């Protein structure tokens, strides 16, 4: 998978990976369809941060989830 290409499939993959890695309790509410391709680079940056660390503190998870929430379509 080439995540350098802005596709809906890549957004879905990255959002699913972020949700899984952060073990989000509200993962069902965070669907890949809630994100716009126009924000692809921001989603990719967040994805890169999430996959770069083996684990997260509670405050880190909260901050990352908050950032993910900001990227959602209004």
N, C-alpha and C. Protein backbone atom coordinates (compact mmCIF):
# COMPACT_ATOMS: atom_id res chain seq x y z
N UNK A 1 0.85 -1.18 0.00
CA UNK A 1 0.00 0.00 0.00
C UNK A 1 0.89 1.24 0.00
N UNK A 2 0.61 2.14 -0.92
CA UNK A 2 1.38 3.37 -1.03
C UNK A 2 0.59 4.50 -0.36
N UNK A 3 0.98 4.84 0.86
CA UNK A 3 0.26 5.86 1.60
C UNK A 3 0.61 7.27 1.15
N UNK A 4 1.48 7.39 0.16
CA UNK A 4 1.78 8.72 -0.37
C UNK A 4 0.72 9.19 -1.35
N UNK A 5 -0.19 8.29 -1.72
CA UNK A 5 -1.28 8.64 -2.62
C UNK A 5 -2.53 8.96 -1.80
N UNK A 6 -3.15 10.08 -2.08
CA UNK A 6 -4.35 10.51 -1.35
C UNK A 6 -5.57 9.81 -1.93
N UNK A 7 -5.90 8.65 -1.34
CA UNK A 7 -7.08 7.91 -1.79
C UNK A 7 -7.98 7.64 -0.59
N UNK A 8 -9.25 7.39 -0.87
CA UNK A 8 -10.19 7.06 0.20
C UNK A 8 -9.80 5.75 0.89
N UNK A 9 -9.25 4.81 0.13
CA UNK A 9 -8.81 3.54 0.71
C UNK A 9 -7.67 3.76 1.71
N UNK A 10 -6.75 4.67 1.37
CA UNK A 10 -5.65 4.96 2.28
C UNK A 10 -6.14 5.67 3.54
N UNK A 11 -7.10 6.58 3.38
CA UNK A 11 -7.69 7.24 4.56
C UNK A 11 -8.33 6.20 5.46
N UNK A 12 -9.08 5.28 4.87
CA UNK A 12 -9.73 4.23 5.66
C UNK A 12 -8.70 3.39 6.40
N UNK A 13 -7.64 2.99 5.71
CA UNK A 13 -6.58 2.19 6.33
C UNK A 13 -5.93 2.94 7.50
N UNK A 14 -5.58 4.21 7.28
CA UNK A 14 -4.90 4.97 8.33
C UNK A 14 -5.81 5.21 9.53
N UNK A 15 -7.07 5.55 9.30
CA UNK A 15 -8.00 5.79 10.41
C UNK A 15 -8.20 4.49 11.18
N UNK A 16 -8.39 3.38 10.49
CA UNK A 16 -8.56 2.09 11.18
C UNK A 16 -7.32 1.72 12.00
N UNK A 17 -6.15 1.99 11.45
CA UNK A 17 -4.90 1.70 12.16
C UNK A 17 -4.76 2.59 13.40
N UNK A 18 -5.07 3.86 13.26
CA UNK A 18 -5.00 4.78 14.40
C UNK A 18 -5.96 4.34 15.50
N UNK A 19 -7.20 4.02 15.11
CA UNK A 19 -8.19 3.58 16.10
C UNK A 19 -7.72 2.32 16.82
N UNK A 20 -7.19 1.39 16.08
CA UNK A 20 -6.73 0.13 16.66
C UNK A 20 -5.54 0.36 17.60
N UNK A 21 -4.58 1.12 17.15
CA UNK A 21 -3.37 1.35 17.94
C UNK A 21 -3.66 2.13 19.22
N UNK A 22 -4.61 3.07 19.15
CA UNK A 22 -4.94 3.86 20.33
C UNK A 22 -5.99 3.18 21.20
N UNK A 23 -6.51 2.05 20.71
CA UNK A 23 -7.53 1.30 21.46
C UNK A 23 -8.67 2.23 21.88
N UNK A 24 -9.17 2.97 20.91
CA UNK A 24 -10.19 3.97 21.16
C UNK A 24 -11.51 3.34 21.58
N UNK A 25 -12.04 3.81 22.70
CA UNK A 25 -13.33 3.34 23.18
C UNK A 25 -14.45 3.81 22.28
N UNK A 26 -14.24 4.93 21.61
CA UNK A 26 -15.27 5.50 20.74
C UNK A 26 -14.95 5.24 19.27
N UNK A 27 -14.25 4.16 19.00
CA UNK A 27 -13.81 3.87 17.64
C UNK A 27 -14.97 3.75 16.66
N UNK A 28 -16.09 3.22 17.10
CA UNK A 28 -17.24 3.05 16.20
C UNK A 28 -17.75 4.40 15.71
N UNK A 29 -17.60 5.43 16.51
CA UNK A 29 -18.08 6.75 16.13
C UNK A 29 -17.13 7.45 15.16
N UNK A 30 -15.93 6.95 15.03
CA UNK A 30 -14.90 7.58 14.20
C UNK A 30 -14.74 6.75 12.92
N UNK A 31 -15.54 7.06 11.92
CA UNK A 31 -15.52 6.33 10.66
C UNK A 31 -14.66 7.07 9.64
N UNK A 32 -14.03 6.31 8.76
CA UNK A 32 -13.17 6.92 7.75
C UNK A 32 -13.96 7.84 6.82
N UNK A 33 -15.26 7.59 6.68
CA UNK A 33 -16.10 8.44 5.83
C UNK A 33 -16.30 9.83 6.41
N UNK A 34 -15.90 10.03 7.67
CA UNK A 34 -16.03 11.33 8.33
C UNK A 34 -14.86 12.25 7.99
N UNK A 35 -13.94 11.78 7.15
CA UNK A 35 -12.74 12.54 6.84
C UNK A 35 -12.69 12.86 5.36
N UNK A 36 -12.21 14.05 5.05
CA UNK A 36 -12.13 14.55 3.68
C UNK A 36 -10.72 14.35 3.13
N UNK A 37 -10.64 14.01 1.86
CA UNK A 37 -9.32 13.85 1.22
C UNK A 37 -8.50 15.13 1.27
N UNK A 38 -9.15 16.26 1.40
CA UNK A 38 -8.43 17.53 1.49
C UNK A 38 -7.54 17.59 2.73
N UNK A 39 -7.85 16.79 3.73
CA UNK A 39 -7.06 16.75 4.98
C UNK A 39 -6.09 15.57 4.99
N UNK A 40 -5.85 14.98 3.83
CA UNK A 40 -5.04 13.76 3.74
C UNK A 40 -3.67 13.90 4.39
N UNK A 41 -2.97 14.97 4.10
CA UNK A 41 -1.62 15.15 4.65
C UNK A 41 -1.66 15.24 6.18
N UNK A 42 -2.67 15.90 6.73
CA UNK A 42 -2.80 15.99 8.19
C UNK A 42 -3.08 14.62 8.79
N UNK A 43 -3.94 13.85 8.13
CA UNK A 43 -4.24 12.49 8.61
C UNK A 43 -2.99 11.64 8.54
N UNK A 44 -2.24 11.77 7.45
CA UNK A 44 -1.00 10.99 7.28
C UNK A 44 0.01 11.37 8.35
N UNK A 45 0.13 12.66 8.68
CA UNK A 45 1.05 13.08 9.74
C UNK A 45 0.66 12.45 11.07
N UNK A 46 -0.62 12.45 11.39
CA UNK A 46 -1.09 11.85 12.64
C UNK A 46 -0.83 10.35 12.63
N UNK A 47 -1.09 9.72 11.51
CA UNK A 47 -0.83 8.28 11.35
C UNK A 47 0.65 7.98 11.60
N UNK A 48 1.53 8.78 11.01
CA UNK A 48 2.97 8.57 11.18
C UNK A 48 3.38 8.67 12.65
N UNK A 49 2.80 9.61 13.38
CA UNK A 49 3.09 9.74 14.82
C UNK A 49 2.63 8.49 15.56
N UNK A 50 1.42 8.04 15.27
CA UNK A 50 0.84 6.90 15.98
C UNK A 50 1.64 5.62 15.74
N UNK A 51 2.03 5.37 14.49
CA UNK A 51 2.74 4.12 14.22
C UNK A 51 4.20 4.17 14.67
N UNK A 52 4.70 5.35 14.98
CA UNK A 52 6.11 5.47 15.36
C UNK A 52 6.38 5.09 16.82
N UNK A 53 5.33 5.01 17.64
CA UNK A 53 5.52 4.72 19.06
C UNK A 53 4.89 3.39 19.43
N UNK A 54 5.55 2.63 20.29
CA UNK A 54 4.99 1.33 20.70
C UNK A 54 3.82 1.46 21.69
N UNK A 55 3.80 2.53 22.46
CA UNK A 55 2.71 2.71 23.42
C UNK A 55 2.55 4.20 23.72
N UNK A 56 1.43 4.52 24.37
CA UNK A 56 1.09 5.92 24.64
C UNK A 56 0.59 6.07 26.06
N UNK A 57 0.87 7.23 26.65
CA UNK A 57 0.30 7.56 27.95
C UNK A 57 -1.16 7.96 27.72
N UNK A 58 -1.91 8.03 28.79
CA UNK A 58 -3.31 8.44 28.67
C UNK A 58 -3.41 9.85 28.11
N UNK A 59 -2.55 10.75 28.57
CA UNK A 59 -2.61 12.12 28.05
C UNK A 59 -2.22 12.19 26.57
N UNK A 60 -1.31 11.34 26.13
CA UNK A 60 -0.96 11.30 24.71
C UNK A 60 -2.14 10.80 23.88
N UNK A 61 -2.81 9.76 24.36
CA UNK A 61 -3.98 9.23 23.65
C UNK A 61 -5.04 10.32 23.55
N UNK A 62 -5.29 11.02 24.65
CA UNK A 62 -6.29 12.08 24.64
C UNK A 62 -5.92 13.17 23.62
N UNK A 63 -4.66 13.55 23.58
CA UNK A 63 -4.22 14.59 22.64
C UNK A 63 -4.35 14.11 21.20
N UNK A 64 -3.97 12.87 20.93
CA UNK A 64 -4.06 12.33 19.58
C UNK A 64 -5.52 12.20 19.13
N UNK A 65 -6.38 11.74 20.02
CA UNK A 65 -7.80 11.62 19.70
C UNK A 65 -8.40 13.00 19.45
N UNK A 66 -7.97 13.97 20.23
CA UNK A 66 -8.44 15.34 20.04
C UNK A 66 -8.03 15.86 18.65
N UNK A 67 -6.79 15.60 18.26
CA UNK A 67 -6.32 16.02 16.95
C UNK A 67 -7.08 15.30 15.84
N UNK A 68 -7.34 14.04 16.04
CA UNK A 68 -8.11 13.28 15.06
C UNK A 68 -9.51 13.86 14.92
N UNK A 69 -10.11 14.23 16.03
CA UNK A 69 -11.43 14.85 16.03
C UNK A 69 -11.44 16.16 15.27
N UNK A 70 -10.37 16.92 15.35
CA UNK A 70 -10.29 18.20 14.63
C UNK A 70 -10.22 18.00 13.12
N UNK A 71 -9.77 16.84 12.70
CA UNK A 71 -9.64 16.56 11.27
C UNK A 71 -10.94 16.06 10.64
N UNK A 72 -11.90 15.71 11.48
CA UNK A 72 -13.19 15.21 10.96
C UNK A 72 -13.95 16.32 10.25
N UNK A 73 -14.78 15.90 9.31
CA UNK A 73 -15.68 16.86 8.64
C UNK A 73 -16.68 17.39 9.65
N UNK A 74 -17.02 18.65 9.54
CA UNK A 74 -17.99 19.25 10.45
C UNK A 74 -19.39 18.88 10.05
